[in-house]
Protein backbone atom coordinates (compact mmCIF):
# COMPACT_ATOMS: atom_id res chain seq x y z
CA MET A 1 2.26 12.85 10.33
CA LYS A 2 5.88 12.17 9.43
CA THR A 3 6.87 9.62 6.79
CA MET A 4 10.09 7.65 6.86
CA THR A 5 11.48 5.34 4.21
CA ILE A 6 13.89 2.60 5.23
CA ASN A 7 15.66 0.58 2.54
CA ILE A 8 16.87 -2.83 3.73
CA LEU A 9 18.71 -5.26 1.47
CA ASP A 10 18.42 -8.38 3.61
CA ASP A 11 15.11 -10.20 4.25
CA GLN A 12 16.22 -11.33 7.71
CA THR A 13 17.04 -7.75 8.73
CA THR A 14 13.73 -6.60 7.27
CA GLU A 15 11.87 -8.98 9.56
CA LYS A 16 13.84 -7.77 12.59
CA VAL A 17 13.07 -4.12 11.81
CA ARG A 18 9.37 -4.90 11.27
CA TRP A 19 9.28 -6.79 14.58
CA MET A 20 10.77 -3.78 16.35
CA LEU A 21 8.40 -1.30 14.67
CA ASP A 22 5.38 -3.46 15.48
CA HIS A 23 5.97 -2.63 19.13
CA PHE A 24 5.21 1.04 18.37
CA ARG A 25 1.82 0.46 16.69
CA GLY A 26 0.05 1.40 19.92
CA ASP A 27 1.86 4.75 19.85
CA GLY A 28 0.48 5.61 16.41
CA VAL A 29 3.11 4.07 14.13
CA GLU A 30 1.66 2.76 10.88
CA ILE A 31 3.73 0.35 8.80
CA VAL A 32 3.01 0.35 5.07
CA SER A 33 5.25 -1.14 2.41
CA GLU A 34 6.21 1.12 -0.47
CA GLU A 35 4.48 -1.27 -2.87
CA ASP A 36 1.24 -1.04 -0.86
CA LEU A 37 1.57 2.74 -0.70
CA ASN A 38 1.96 2.95 -4.47
CA ASP A 39 -1.09 0.72 -4.94
CA LEU A 40 -3.13 2.91 -2.60
CA LYS A 41 -2.07 6.04 -4.50
CA CYS A 42 -3.13 4.44 -7.79
CA LEU A 43 -6.50 3.46 -6.31
CA GLN A 44 -6.99 6.97 -4.91
CA ALA A 45 -6.32 8.45 -8.34
CA THR A 46 -9.20 6.42 -9.80
CA ARG A 47 -11.77 7.55 -7.22
CA SER A 48 -13.08 10.34 -9.44
CA GLU A 49 -13.27 8.22 -12.59
CA GLU A 50 -16.58 7.07 -13.93
CA SER A 51 -17.28 3.43 -13.22
CA VAL A 52 -18.34 0.88 -15.82
CA THR A 53 -20.76 -1.93 -15.03
CA PHE A 54 -19.41 -5.45 -15.30
CA GLU A 55 -21.94 -6.24 -18.03
CA ASP A 56 -20.70 -3.27 -20.11
CA TYR A 57 -17.13 -4.36 -19.52
CA LEU A 58 -17.92 -7.87 -20.78
CA ALA A 59 -19.82 -6.50 -23.78
CA ASP A 60 -16.77 -4.46 -24.85
CA ALA A 61 -14.27 -7.26 -24.17
CA ASP A 62 -14.36 -8.46 -27.78
């Protein structure tokens, strides 16, 4: 898979580029914003961490 970053300053141009790229989704193009990609990377990094129950979280909140 190849990754490409496109920086666009104008919201109107951004929408035009997204519209164009949407036509390639059937050919295997995936559109992910950089913000979403960063969020996904952060979530992936926590996959191996031990989880805490919600009750334990509330008990330690004070």
